[in-house]
Amino acid sequence: EKIESPIARAKYVKSRSVWKVYWMRADLNWHPYDPQR
């Protein structure tokens, strides 16, 4: 069985034509990437 460990996530916001950037912290939740959200 393979386990997936998340590294990075981006979500496209169509209304603003931008990608929001996230990283997974040790609490296993996605957080905005503060250096460049």
Full PDB file with SEQRES, HELIX, SHEET, SSBOND, CRYST1, ORIGX, SCALE, CONECT and MASTER records, all heavy atoms in Angstrom:
SEQRES   1 A   37  GLU LYS ILE GLU SER PRO ILE ALA ARG ALA LYS TYR VAL          
SEQRES   2 A   37  LYS SER ARG SER VAL TRP LYS VAL TYR TRP MET ARG ALA          
SEQRES   3 A   37  ASP LEU ASN TRP HIS PRO TYR ASP PRO GLN ARG                  
SHEET    1 AA1 3 ALA A   8  VAL A  13  0                                        
SHEET    2 AA1 3 VAL A  18  MET A  24 -1                                        
SHEET    3 AA1 3 TRP A  30  PRO A  32 -1                                        
CRYST1    1.000    1.000    1.000  90.00  90.00  90.00 P 1           1          
ORIGX1      1.000000  0.000000  0.000000        0.00000                         
ORIGX2      0.000000  1.000000  0.000000        0.00000                         
ORIGX3      0.000000  0.000000  1.000000        0.00000                         
SCALE1      1.000000  0.000000  0.000000        0.00000                         
SCALE2      0.000000  1.000000  0.000000        0.00000                         
SCALE3      0.000000  0.000000  1.000000        0.00000                         
ATOM      1  N   GLU A   1       0.847  -1.194   0.000  1.00  0.00           N  
ATOM      2  CA  GLU A   1       0.000   0.000   0.000  1.00  0.00           C  
ATOM      3  C   GLU A   1       0.884   1.247   0.000  1.00  0.00           C  
ATOM      4  O   GLU A   1       1.855   1.326   0.752  1.00  0.00           O  
ATOM      5  CB  GLU A   1      -0.884  -0.015   1.252  1.00  0.00           C  
ATOM      6  CG  GLU A   1      -1.767   1.192   1.410  1.00  0.00           C  
ATOM      7  CD  GLU A   1      -2.516   1.147   2.745  1.00  0.00           C  
ATOM      8  OE1 GLU A   1      -2.988   0.053   3.121  1.00  0.00           O  
ATOM      9  OE2 GLU A   1      -2.584   2.196   3.389  1.00  0.00           O  
ATOM     10  N   LYS A   2       0.557   2.221  -0.837  1.00  0.00           N  
ATOM     11  CA  LYS A   2       1.307   3.473  -0.901  1.00  0.00           C  
ATOM     12  C   LYS A   2       0.625   4.546  -0.059  1.00  0.00           C  
ATOM     13  O   LYS A   2      -0.606   4.648  -0.033  1.00  0.00           O  
ATOM     14  CB  LYS A   2       1.417   3.980  -2.346  1.00  0.00           C  
ATOM     15  CG  LYS A   2       2.182   3.053  -3.260  1.00  0.00           C  
ATOM     16  CD  LYS A   2       3.658   3.162  -3.021  1.00  0.00           C  
ATOM     17  CE  LYS A   2       4.409   2.312  -4.040  1.00  0.00           C  
ATOM     18  NZ  LYS A   2       5.819   2.394  -3.880  1.00  0.00           N  
ATOM     19  N   ILE A   3       1.438   5.335   0.618  1.00  0.00           N  
ATOM     20  CA  ILE A   3       0.948   6.458   1.416  1.00  0.00           C  
ATOM     21  C   ILE A   3       1.374   7.748   0.732  1.00  0.00           C  
ATOM     22  O   ILE A   3       2.531   7.885   0.326  1.00  0.00           O  
ATOM     23  CB  ILE A   3       1.521   6.413   2.838  1.00  0.00           C  
ATOM     24  CG1 ILE A   3       1.019   5.187   3.575  1.00  0.00           C  
ATOM     25  CG2 ILE A   3       1.169   7.686   3.604  1.00  0.00           C  
ATOM     26  CD1 ILE A   3       1.624   5.021   4.950  1.00  0.00           C  
ATOM     27  N   GLU A   4       0.453   8.684   0.601  1.00  0.00           N  
ATOM     28  CA  GLU A   4       0.755   9.987   0.025  1.00  0.00           C  
ATOM     29  C   GLU A   4       0.947  11.003   1.138  1.00  0.00           C  
ATOM     30  O   GLU A   4       0.104  11.125   2.020  1.00  0.00           O  
ATOM     31  CB  GLU A   4      -0.379  10.455  -0.895  1.00  0.00           C  
ATOM     32  CG  GLU A   4      -0.553   9.609  -2.118  1.00  0.00           C  
ATOM     33  CD  GLU A   4      -1.703  10.069  -2.999  1.00  0.00           C  
ATOM     34  OE1 GLU A   4      -2.386  11.062  -2.661  1.00  0.00           O  
ATOM     35  OE2 GLU A   4      -1.940   9.421  -4.032  1.00  0.00           O  
ATOM     36  N   SER A   5       2.065  11.722   1.088  1.00  0.00           N  
ATOM     37  CA  SER A   5       2.348  12.792   2.047  1.00  0.00           C  
ATOM     38  C   SER A   5       2.354  14.117   1.285  1.00  0.00           C  
ATOM     39  O   SER A   5       3.222  14.345   0.438  1.00  0.00           O  
ATOM     40  CB  SER A   5       3.706  12.576   2.709  1.00  0.00           C  
ATOM     41  OG  SER A   5       3.722  11.358   3.408  1.00  0.00           O  
ATOM     42  N   PRO A   6       1.399  14.987   1.575  1.00  0.00           N  
ATOM     43  CA  PRO A   6       1.300  16.252   0.855  1.00  0.00           C  
ATOM     44  C   PRO A   6       2.525  17.142   1.052  1.00  0.00           C  
ATOM     45  O   PRO A   6       3.101  17.194   2.138  1.00  0.00           O  
ATOM     46  CB  PRO A   6       0.064  16.916   1.462  1.00  0.00           C  
ATOM     47  CG  PRO A   6      -0.670  15.830   2.149  1.00  0.00           C  
ATOM     48  CD  PRO A   6       0.345  14.830   2.569  1.00  0.00           C  
ATOM     49  N   ILE A   7       2.901  17.850  -0.007  1.00  0.00           N  
ATOM     50  CA  ILE A   7       4.041  18.767   0.028  1.00  0.00           C  
ATOM     51  C   ILE A   7       3.585  20.202  -0.211  1.00  0.00           C  
ATOM     52  O   ILE A   7       3.937  21.101   0.543  1.00  0.00           O  
ATOM     53  CB  ILE A   7       5.090  18.354  -1.021  1.00  0.00           C  
ATOM     54  CG1 ILE A   7       5.689  17.006  -0.636  1.00  0.00           C  
ATOM     55  CG2 ILE A   7       6.173  19.422  -1.168  1.00  0.00           C  
ATOM     56  CD1 ILE A   7       6.575  16.399  -1.682  1.00  0.00           C  
ATOM     57  N   ALA A   8       2.827  20.418  -1.275  1.00  0.00           N  
ATOM     58  CA  ALA A   8       2.410  21.770  -1.641  1.00  0.00           C  
ATOM     59  C   ALA A   8       1.053  21.716  -2.330  1.00  0.00           C  
ATOM     60  O   ALA A   8       0.680  20.701  -2.914  1.00  0.00           O  
ATOM     61  CB  ALA A   8       3.438  22.404  -2.569  1.00  0.00           C  
ATOM     62  N   ARG A   9       0.356  22.844  -2.254  1.00  0.00           N  
ATOM     63  CA  ARG A   9      -0.983  22.917  -2.845  1.00  0.00           C  
ATOM     64  C   ARG A   9      -1.192  24.316  -3.413  1.00  0.00           C  
ATOM     65  O   ARG A   9      -0.731  25.298  -2.823  1.00  0.00           O  
ATOM     66  CB  ARG A   9      -2.021  22.649  -1.764  1.00  0.00           C  
ATOM     67  CG  ARG A   9      -3.438  22.659  -2.224  1.00  0.00           C  
ATOM     68  CD  ARG A   9      -4.344  22.261  -1.066  1.00  0.00           C  
ATOM     69  NE  ARG A   9      -5.694  22.078  -1.539  1.00  0.00           N  
ATOM     70  CZ  ARG A   9      -6.742  22.724  -1.054  1.00  0.00           C  
ATOM     71  NH1 ARG A   9      -6.596  23.590  -0.081  1.00  0.00           N  
ATOM     72  NH2 ARG A   9      -7.932  22.498  -1.551  1.00  0.00           N  
ATOM     73  N   ALA A  10      -1.874  24.385  -4.533  1.00  0.00           N  
ATOM     74  CA  ALA A  10      -2.263  25.677  -5.099  1.00  0.00           C  
ATOM     75  C   ALA A  10      -3.714  25.582  -5.553  1.00  0.00           C  
ATOM     76  O   ALA A  10      -4.140  24.560  -6.088  1.00  0.00           O  
ATOM     77  CB  ALA A  10      -1.380  26.043  -6.282  1.00  0.00           C  
ATOM     78  N   LYS A  11      -4.451  26.650  -5.294  1.00  0.00           N  
ATOM     79  CA  LYS A  11      -5.862  26.694  -5.687  1.00  0.00           C  
ATOM     80  C   LYS A  11      -6.085  27.940  -6.538  1.00  0.00           C  
ATOM     81  O   LYS A  11      -5.741  29.051  -6.144  1.00  0.00           O  
ATOM     82  CB  LYS A  11      -6.759  26.740  -4.461  1.00  0.00           C  
ATOM     83  CG  LYS A  11      -8.219  26.741  -4.821  1.00  0.00           C  
ATOM     84  CD  LYS A  11      -9.110  26.682  -3.609  1.00  0.00           C  
ATOM     85  CE  LYS A  11     -10.550  26.639  -4.083  1.00  0.00           C  
ATOM     86  NZ  LYS A  11     -11.474  26.648  -2.982  1.00  0.00           N  
ATOM     87  N   TYR A  12      -6.657  27.710  -7.727  1.00  0.00           N  
ATOM     88  CA  TYR A  12      -6.913  28.812  -8.645  1.00  0.00           C  
ATOM     89  C   TYR A  12      -8.172  29.545  -8.233  1.00  0.00           C  
ATOM     90  O   TYR A  12      -9.217  28.941  -8.000  1.00  0.00           O  
ATOM     91  CB  TYR A  12      -7.048  28.290 -10.079  1.00  0.00           C  
ATOM     92  CG  TYR A  12      -7.192  29.383 -11.094  1.00  0.00           C  
ATOM     93  CD1 TYR A  12      -6.136  30.252 -11.345  1.00  0.00           C  
ATOM     94  CD2 TYR A  12      -8.377  29.549 -11.788  1.00  0.00           C  
ATOM     95  CE1 TYR A  12      -6.257  31.262 -12.278  1.00  0.00           C  
ATOM     96  CE2 TYR A  12      -8.508  30.556 -12.733  1.00  0.00           C  
ATOM     97  CZ  TYR A  12      -7.446  31.415 -12.968  1.00  0.00           C  
ATOM     98  OH  TYR A  12      -7.577  32.418 -13.898  1.00  0.00           O  
ATOM     99  N   VAL A  13      -8.066  30.874  -8.133  1.00  0.00           N  
ATOM    100  CA  VAL A  13      -9.215  31.728  -7.822  1.00  0.00           C  
ATOM    101  C   VAL A  13      -9.596  32.430  -9.114  1.00  0.00           C  
ATOM    102  O   VAL A  13      -8.952  33.402  -9.529  1.00  0.00           O  
ATOM    103  CB  VAL A  13      -8.876  32.746  -6.712  1.00  0.00           C  
ATOM    104  CG1 VAL A  13     -10.088  33.616  -6.395  1.00  0.00           C  
ATOM    105  CG2 VAL A  13      -8.377  32.033  -5.461  1.00  0.00           C  
ATOM    106  N   LYS A  14     -10.599  31.900  -9.755  1.00  0.00           N  
ATOM    107  CA  LYS A  14     -10.990  32.357 -11.091  1.00  0.00           C  
ATOM    108  C   LYS A  14     -11.366  33.836 -11.111  1.00  0.00           C  
ATOM    109  O   LYS A  14     -10.994  34.563 -12.033  1.00  0.00           O  
ATOM    110  CB  LYS A  14     -12.166  31.501 -11.570  1.00  0.00           C  
ATOM    111  CG  LYS A  14     -12.462  31.592 -13.024  1.00  0.00           C  
ATOM    112  CD  LYS A  14     -13.578  30.615 -13.369  1.00  0.00           C  
ATOM    113  CE  LYS A  14     -13.607  30.331 -14.841  1.00  0.00           C  
ATOM    114  NZ  LYS A  14     -14.614  29.331 -15.179  1.00  0.00           N  
ATOM    115  N   SER A  15     -12.085  34.305 -10.097  1.00  0.00           N  
ATOM    116  CA  SER A  15     -12.564  35.693 -10.081  1.00  0.00           C  
ATOM    117  C   SER A  15     -11.420  36.705 -10.037  1.00  0.00           C  
ATOM    118  O   SER A  15     -11.585  37.847 -10.451  1.00  0.00           O  
ATOM    119  CB  SER A  15     -13.505  35.922  -8.890  1.00  0.00           C  
ATOM    120  OG  SER A  15     -12.798  35.728  -7.671  1.00  0.00           O  
ATOM    121  N   ARG A  16     -10.253  36.281  -9.547  1.00  0.00           N  
ATOM    122  CA  ARG A  16      -9.105  37.189  -9.426  1.00  0.00           C  
ATOM    123  C   ARG A  16      -7.935  36.760 -10.307  1.00  0.00           C  
ATOM    124  O   ARG A  16      -6.906  37.417 -10.336  1.00  0.00           O  
ATOM    125  CB  ARG A  16      -8.671  37.265  -7.967  1.00  0.00           C  
ATOM    126  CG  ARG A  16      -9.778  37.867  -7.102  1.00  0.00           C  
ATOM    127  CD  ARG A  16      -9.437  38.031  -5.637  1.00  0.00           C  
ATOM    128  NE  ARG A  16      -8.103  38.493  -5.404  1.00  0.00           N  
ATOM    129  CZ  ARG A  16      -7.229  37.859  -4.616  1.00  0.00           C  
ATOM    130  NH1 ARG A  16      -7.567  36.753  -3.997  1.00  0.00           N  
ATOM    131  NH2 ARG A  16      -6.022  38.331  -4.436  1.00  0.00           N  
ATOM    132  N   SER A  17      -8.061  35.628 -10.979  1.00  0.00           N  
ATOM    133  CA  SER A  17      -7.001  35.096 -11.856  1.00  0.00           C  
ATOM    134  C   SER A  17      -5.668  34.949 -11.138  1.00  0.00           C  
ATOM    135  O   SER A  17      -4.622  35.360 -11.642  1.00  0.00           O  
ATOM    136  CB  SER A  17      -6.835  35.976 -13.101  1.00  0.00           C  
ATOM    137  OG  SER A  17      -8.004  35.969 -13.861  1.00  0.00           O  
ATOM    138  N   VAL A  18      -5.715  34.354  -9.941  1.00  0.00           N  
ATOM    139  CA  VAL A  18      -4.499  34.092  -9.166  1.00  0.00           C  
ATOM    140  C   VAL A  18      -4.553  32.672  -8.614  1.00  0.00           C  
ATOM    141  O   VAL A  18      -5.623  32.073  -8.507  1.00  0.00           O  
ATOM    142  CB  VAL A  18      -4.309  35.085  -7.983  1.00  0.00           C  
ATOM    143  CG1 VAL A  18      -4.123  36.506  -8.475  1.00  0.00           C  
ATOM    144  CG2 VAL A  18      -5.448  34.993  -6.983  1.00  0.00           C  
ATOM    145  N   TRP A  19      -3.395  32.155  -8.283  1.00  0.00           N  
ATOM    146  CA  TRP A  19      -3.269  30.871  -7.602  1.00  0.00           C  
ATOM    147  C   TRP A  19      -2.889  31.149  -6.154  1.00  0.00           C  
ATOM    148  O   TRP A  19      -1.900  31.833  -5.896  1.00  0.00           O  
ATOM    149  CB  TRP A  19      -2.183  30.026  -8.256  1.00  0.00           C  
ATOM    150  CG  TRP A  19      -2.533  29.510  -9.612  1.00  0.00           C  
ATOM    151  CD1 TRP A  19      -2.377  30.163 -10.788  1.00  0.00           C  
ATOM    152  CD2 TRP A  19      -3.073  28.231  -9.918  1.00  0.00           C  
ATOM    153  NE1 TRP A  19      -2.798  29.364 -11.822  1.00  0.00           N  
ATOM    154  CE2 TRP A  19      -3.225  28.165 -11.313  1.00  0.00           C  
ATOM    155  CE3 TRP A  19      -3.445  27.119  -9.151  1.00  0.00           C  
ATOM    156  CZ2 TRP A  19      -3.729  27.054 -11.965  1.00  0.00           C  
ATOM    157  CZ3 TRP A  19      -3.947  26.009  -9.797  1.00  0.00           C  
ATOM    158  CH2 TRP A  19      -4.089  25.981 -11.183  1.00  0.00           C  
ATOM    159  N   LYS A  20      -3.658  30.644  -5.202  1.00  0.00           N  
ATOM    160  CA  LYS A  20      -3.307  30.737  -3.781  1.00  0.00           C  
ATOM    161  C   LYS A  20      -2.376  29.582  -3.450  1.00  0.00           C  
ATOM    162  O   LYS A  20      -2.628  28.448  -3.840  1.00  0.00           O  
ATOM    163  CB  LYS A  20      -4.552  30.692  -2.900  1.00  0.00           C  
ATOM    164  CG  LYS A  20      -5.392  31.933  -3.019  1.00  0.00           C  
ATOM    165  CD  LYS A  20      -6.469  31.931  -1.974  1.00  0.00           C  
ATOM    166  CE  LYS A  20      -7.105  33.302  -1.929  1.00  0.00           C  
ATOM    167  NZ  LYS A  20      -7.821  33.502  -0.680  1.00  0.00           N  
ATOM    168  N   VAL A  21      -1.319  29.872  -2.709  1.00  0.00           N  
ATOM    169  CA  VAL A  21      -0.270  28.897  -2.413  1.00  0.00           C  
ATOM    170  C   VAL A  21      -0.383  28.451  -0.956  1.00  0.00           C  
ATOM    171  O   VAL A  21      -0.516  29.286  -0.053  1.00  0.00           O  
ATOM    172  CB  VAL A  21       1.129  29.507  -2.666  1.00  0.00           C  
ATOM    173  CG1 VAL A  21       2.228  28.502  -2.364  1.00  0.00           C  
ATOM    174  CG2 VAL A  21       1.231  30.026  -4.097  1.00  0.00           C  
ATOM    175  N   TYR A  22      -0.278  27.131  -0.741  1.00  0.00           N  
ATOM    176  CA  TYR A  22      -0.373  26.554   0.596  1.00  0.00           C  
ATOM    177  C   TYR A  22       0.750  25.556   0.838  1.00  0.00           C  
ATOM    178  O   TYR A  22       1.262  24.949  -0.091  1.00  0.00           O  
ATOM    179  CB  TYR A  22      -1.711  25.814   0.767  1.00  0.00           C  
ATOM    180  CG  TYR A  22      -2.916  26.691   0.597  1.00  0.00           C  
ATOM    181  CD1 TYR A  22      -3.525  26.831  -0.649  1.00  0.00           C  
ATOM    182  CD2 TYR A  22      -3.453  27.383   1.670  1.00  0.00           C  
ATOM    183  CE1 TYR A  22      -4.637  27.633  -0.821  1.00  0.00           C  
ATOM    184  CE2 TYR A  22      -4.572  28.194   1.514  1.00  0.00           C  
ATOM    185  CZ  TYR A  22      -5.151  28.310   0.271  1.00  0.00           C  
ATOM    186  OH  TYR A  22      -6.251  29.119   0.109  1.00  0.00           O  
ATOM    187  N   TRP A  23       1.089  25.383   2.092  1.00  0.00           N  
ATOM    188  CA  TRP A  23       2.036  24.346   2.499  1.00  0.00           C  
ATOM    189  C   TRP A  23       1.452  23.627   3.706  1.00  0.00           C  
ATOM    190  O   TRP A  23       0.607  24.161   4.421  1.00  0.00           O  
ATOM    191  CB  TRP A  23       3.410  24.931   2.792  1.00  0.00           C  
ATOM    192  CG  TRP A  23       3.488  25.847   3.986  1.00  0.00           C  
ATOM    193  CD1 TRP A  23       2.917  27.080   4.124  1.00  0.00           C  
ATOM    194  CD2 TRP A  23       4.197  25.596   5.200  1.00  0.00           C  
ATOM    195  NE1 TRP A  23       3.224  27.608   5.348  1.00  0.00           N  
ATOM    196  CE2 TRP A  23       4.011  26.717   6.032  1.00  0.00           C  
ATOM    197  CE3 TRP A  23       4.975  24.543   5.661  1.00  0.00           C  
ATOM    198  CZ2 TRP A  23       4.576  26.816   7.298  1.00  0.00           C  
ATOM    199  CZ3 TRP A  23       5.527  24.643   6.917  1.00  0.00           C  
ATOM    200  CH2 TRP A  23       5.332  25.762   7.718  1.00  0.00           C  
ATOM    201  N   MET A  24       1.871  22.394   3.912  1.00  0.00           N  
ATOM    202  CA  MET A  24       1.347  21.599   5.020  1.00  0.00           C  
ATOM    203  C   MET A  24       2.308  21.691   6.204  1.00  0.00           C  
ATOM    204  O   MET A  24       3.469  21.322   6.097  1.00  0.00           O  
ATOM    205  CB  MET A  24       1.144  20.143   4.619  1.00  0.00           C  
ATOM    206  CG  MET A  24       0.658  19.343   5.790  1.00  0.00           C  
ATOM    207  SD  MET A  24      -0.566  18.075   5.541  1.00  0.00           S  
ATOM    208  CE  MET A  24      -1.728  18.637   4.401  1.00  0.00           C  
ATOM    209  N   ARG A  25       1.767  22.167   7.304  1.00  0.00           N  
ATOM    210  CA  ARG A  25       2.569  22.274   8.523  1.00  0.00           C  
ATOM    211  C   ARG A  25       2.500  20.956   9.297  1.00  0.00           C  
ATOM    212  O   ARG A  25       1.767  20.037   8.941  1.00  0.00           O  
ATOM    213  CB  ARG A  25       2.040  23.416   9.380  1.00  0.00           C  
ATOM    214  CG  ARG A  25       2.247  24.759   8.683  1.00  0.00           C  
ATOM    215  CD  ARG A  25       1.926  25.898   9.557  1.00  0.00           C  
ATOM    216  NE  ARG A  25       2.780  25.867  10.741  1.00  0.00           N  
ATOM    217  CZ  ARG A  25       2.956  26.903  11.539  1.00  0.00           C  
ATOM    218  NH1 ARG A  25       2.357  28.039  11.272  1.00  0.00           N  
ATOM    219  NH2 ARG A  25       3.710  26.806  12.598  1.00  0.00           N  
ATOM    220  N   ALA A  26       3.236  20.895  10.376  1.00  0.00           N  
ATOM    221  CA  ALA A  26       3.293  19.688  11.205  1.00  0.00           C  
ATOM    222  C   ALA A  26       1.925  19.335  11.794  1.00  0.00           C  
ATOM    223  O   ALA A  26       1.700  18.184  12.177  1.00  0.00           O  
ATOM    224  CB  ALA A  26       4.317  19.873  12.320  1.00  0.00           C  
ATOM    225  N   ASP A  27       1.001  20.304  11.867  1.00  0.00           N  
ATOM    226  CA  ASP A  27      -0.341  20.008  12.394  1.00  0.00           C  
ATOM    227  C   ASP A  27      -1.223  19.313  11.351  1.00  0.00           C  
ATOM    228  O   ASP A  27      -2.385  19.054  11.592  1.00  0.00           O  
ATOM    229  CB  ASP A  27      -1.021  21.279  12.912  1.00  0.00           C  
ATOM    230  CG  ASP A  27      -1.303  22.310  11.827  1.00  0.00           C  
ATOM    231  OD1 ASP A  27      -1.060  22.040  10.623  1.00  0.00           O  
ATOM    232  OD2 ASP A  27      -1.769  23.417  12.175  1.00  0.00           O  
ATOM    233  N   LEU A  28      -0.638  19.006  10.167  1.00  0.00           N  
ATOM    234  CA  LEU A  28      -1.311  18.313   9.071  1.00  0.00           C  
ATOM    235  C   LEU A  28      -2.476  19.109   8.469  1.00  0.00           C  
ATOM    236  O   LEU A  28      -3.409  18.540   7.914  1.00  0.00           O  
ATOM    237  CB  LEU A  28      -1.765  16.915   9.483  1.00  0.00           C  
ATOM    238  CG  LEU A  28      -0.644  15.988   9.960  1.00  0.00           C  
ATOM    239  CD1 LEU A  28      -1.204  14.632  10.354  1.00  0.00           C  
ATOM    240  CD2 LEU A  28       0.439  15.847   8.897  1.00  0.00           C  
ATOM    241  N   ASN A  29      -2.396  20.423   8.582  1.00  0.00           N  
ATOM    242  CA  ASN A  29      -3.371  21.314   7.955  1.00  0.00           C  
ATOM    243  C   ASN A  29      -2.663  22.189   6.933  1.00  0.00           C  
ATOM    244  O   ASN A  29      -1.480  22.511   7.092  1.00  0.00           O  
ATOM    245  CB  ASN A  29      -4.056  22.206   8.997  1.00  0.00           C  
ATOM    246  CG  ASN A  29      -4.977  21.421   9.895  1.00  0.00           C  
ATOM    247  OD1 ASN A  29      -5.814  20.658   9.418  1.00  0.00           O  
ATOM    248  ND2 ASN A  29      -4.825  21.585  11.195  1.00  0.00           N  
ATOM    249  N   TRP A  30      -3.387  22.569   5.890  1.00  0.00           N  
ATOM    250  CA  TRP A  30      -2.835  23.478   4.892  1.00  0.00           C  
ATOM    251  C   TRP A  30      -2.844  24.894   5.438  1.00  0.00           C  
ATOM    252  O   TRP A  30      -3.826  25.329   6.027  1.00  0.00           O  
ATOM    253  CB  TRP A  30      -3.652  23.422   3.610  1.00  0.00           C  
ATOM    254  CG  TRP A  30      -3.519  22.145   2.861  1.00  0.00           C  
ATOM    255  CD1 TRP A  30      -4.467  21.181   2.718  1.00  0.00           C  
ATOM    256  CD2 TRP A  30      -2.368  21.682   2.150  1.00  0.00           C  
ATOM    257  NE1 TRP A  30      -3.968  20.144   1.953  1.00  0.00           N  
ATOM    258  CE2 TRP A  30      -2.683  20.432   1.590  1.00  0.00           C  
ATOM    259  CE3 TRP A  30      -1.091  22.201   1.925  1.00  0.00           C  
ATOM    260  CZ2 TRP A  30      -1.781  19.697   0.827  1.00  0.00           C  
ATOM    261  CZ3 TRP A  30      -0.190  21.468   1.167  1.00  0.00           C  
ATOM    262  CH2 TRP A  30      -0.541  20.238   0.628  1.00  0.00           C  
ATOM    263  N   HIS A  31      -1.725  25.590   5.233  1.00  0.00           N  
ATOM    264  CA  HIS A  31      -1.593  26.976   5.670  1.00  0.00           C  
ATOM    265  C   HIS A  31      -1.117  27.824   4.496  1.00  0.00           C  
ATOM    266  O   HIS A  31      -0.327  27.350   3.675  1.00  0.00           O  
ATOM    267  CB  HIS A  31      -0.578  27.084   6.814  1.00  0.00           C  
ATOM    268  CG  HIS A  31      -1.019  26.393   8.056  1.00  0.00           C  
ATOM    269  ND1 HIS A  31      -1.710  27.029   9.055  1.00  0.00           N  
ATOM    270  CD2 HIS A  31      -0.892  25.098   8.455  1.00  0.00           C  
ATOM    271  CE1 HIS A  31      -1.979  26.159  10.024  1.00  0.00           C  
ATOM    272  NE2 HIS A  31      -1.499  24.984   9.676  1.00  0.00           N  
ATOM    273  N   PRO A  32      -1.573  29.080   4.444  1.00  0.00           N  
ATOM    274  CA  PRO A  32      -1.073  29.954   3.377  1.00  0.00           C  
ATOM    275  C   PRO A  32       0.451  30.078   3.467  1.00  0.00           C  
ATOM    276  O   PRO A  32       1.018  30.137   4.565  1.00  0.00           O  
ATOM    277  CB  PRO A  32      -1.739  31.296   3.664  1.00  0.00           C  
ATOM    278  CG  PRO A  32      -2.944  30.962   4.485  1.00  0.00           C  
ATOM    279  CD  PRO A  32      -2.558  29.752   5.294  1.00  0.00           C  
ATOM    280  N   TYR A  33       1.075  30.094   2.333  1.00  0.00           N  
ATOM    281  CA  TYR A  33       2.524  30.252   2.256  1.00  0.00           C  
ATOM    282  C   TYR A  33       2.815  31.744   2.394  1.00  0.00           C  
ATOM    283  O   TYR A  33       2.720  32.507   1.428  1.00  0.00           O  
ATOM    284  CB  TYR A  33       3.024  29.684   0.924  1.00  0.00           C  
ATOM    285  CG  TYR A  33       4.504  29.742   0.730  1.00  0.00           C  
ATOM    286  CD1 TYR A  33       5.365  29.008   1.537  1.00  0.00           C  
ATOM    287  CD2 TYR A  33       5.052  30.518  -0.282  1.00  0.00           C  
ATOM    288  CE1 TYR A  33       6.740  29.051   1.345  1.00  0.00           C  
ATOM    289  CE2 TYR A  33       6.426  30.555  -0.484  1.00  0.00           C  
ATOM    290  CZ  TYR A  33       7.260  29.833   0.327  1.00  0.00           C  
ATOM    291  OH  TYR A  33       8.616  29.871   0.131  1.00  0.00           O  
ATOM    292  N   ASP A  34       3.130  32.176   3.609  1.00  0.00           N  
ATOM    293  CA  ASP A  34       3.242  33.601   3.913  1.00  0.00           C  
ATOM    294  C   ASP A  34       4.288  34.367   3.107  1.00  0.00           C  
ATOM    295  O   ASP A  34       4.058  35.536   2.802  1.00  0.00           O  
ATOM    296  CB  ASP A  34       3.457  33.819   5.409  1.00  0.00           C  
ATOM    297  CG  ASP A  34       2.163  33.648   6.185  1.00  0.00           C  
ATOM    298  OD1 ASP A  34       1.094  33.962   5.628  1.00  0.00           O  
ATOM    299  OD2 ASP A  34       2.213  33.193   7.337  1.00  0.00           O  
ATOM    300  N   PRO A  35       5.398  33.778   2.730  1.00  0.00           N  
ATOM    301  CA  PRO A  35       6.321  34.568   1.908  1.00  0.00           C  
ATOM    302  C   PRO A  35       5.697  35.034   0.589  1.00  0.00           C  
ATOM    303  O   PRO A  35       6.046  36.078   0.067  1.00  0.00           O  
ATOM    304  CB  PRO A  35       7.491  33.617   1.647  1.00  0.00           C  
ATOM    305  CG  PRO A  35       7.468  32.678   2.808  1.00  0.00           C  
ATOM    306  CD  PRO A  35       6.000  32.501   3.125  1.00  0.00           C  
ATOM    307  N   GLN A  36       4.739  34.252   0.056  1.00  0.00           N  
ATOM    308  CA  GLN A  36       4.050  34.634  -1.176  1.00  0.00           C  
ATOM    309  C   GLN A  36       2.746  33.848  -1.247  1.00  0.00           C  
ATOM    310  O   GLN A  36       2.702  32.741  -1.755  1.00  0.00           O  
ATOM    311  CB  GLN A  36       4.917  34.367  -2.399  1.00  0.00           C  
ATOM    312  CG  GLN A  36       4.381  35.012  -3.637  1.00  0.00           C  
ATOM    313  CD  GLN A  36       5.394  35.066  -4.762  1.00  0.00           C  
ATOM    314  OE1 GLN A  36       6.557  34.767  -4.577  1.00  0.00           O  
ATOM    315  NE2 GLN A  36       4.936  35.460  -5.924  1.00  0.00           N  
ATOM    316  N   ARG A  37       1.690  34.445  -0.745  1.00  0.00           N  
ATOM    317  CA  ARG A  37       0.397  33.763  -0.648  1.00  0.00           C  
ATOM    318  C   ARG A  37      -0.274  33.524  -1.994  1.00  0.00           C  
ATOM    319  O   ARG A  37      -1.097  32.633  -2.118  1.00  0.00           O  
ATOM    320  CB  ARG A  37      -0.557  34.555   0.240  1.00  0.00           C  
ATOM    321  CG  ARG A  37      -0.188  34.514   1.691  1.00  0.00           C  
ATOM    322  CD  ARG A  37      -1.148  35.343   2.514  1.00  0.00           C  
ATOM    323  NE  ARG A  37      -0.893  35.086   3.919  1.00  0.00           N  
ATOM    324  CZ  ARG A  37      -1.836  34.825   4.795  1.00  0.00           C  
ATOM    325  NH1 ARG A  37      -3.090  34.790   4.426  1.00  0.00           N  
ATOM    326  NH2 ARG A  37      -1.521  34.589   6.048  1.00  0.00           N  
TER     327      ARG A  37                                                      
MASTER        0    0    0    0    3    0    0    6  326    1    0    3          
END                                                                             
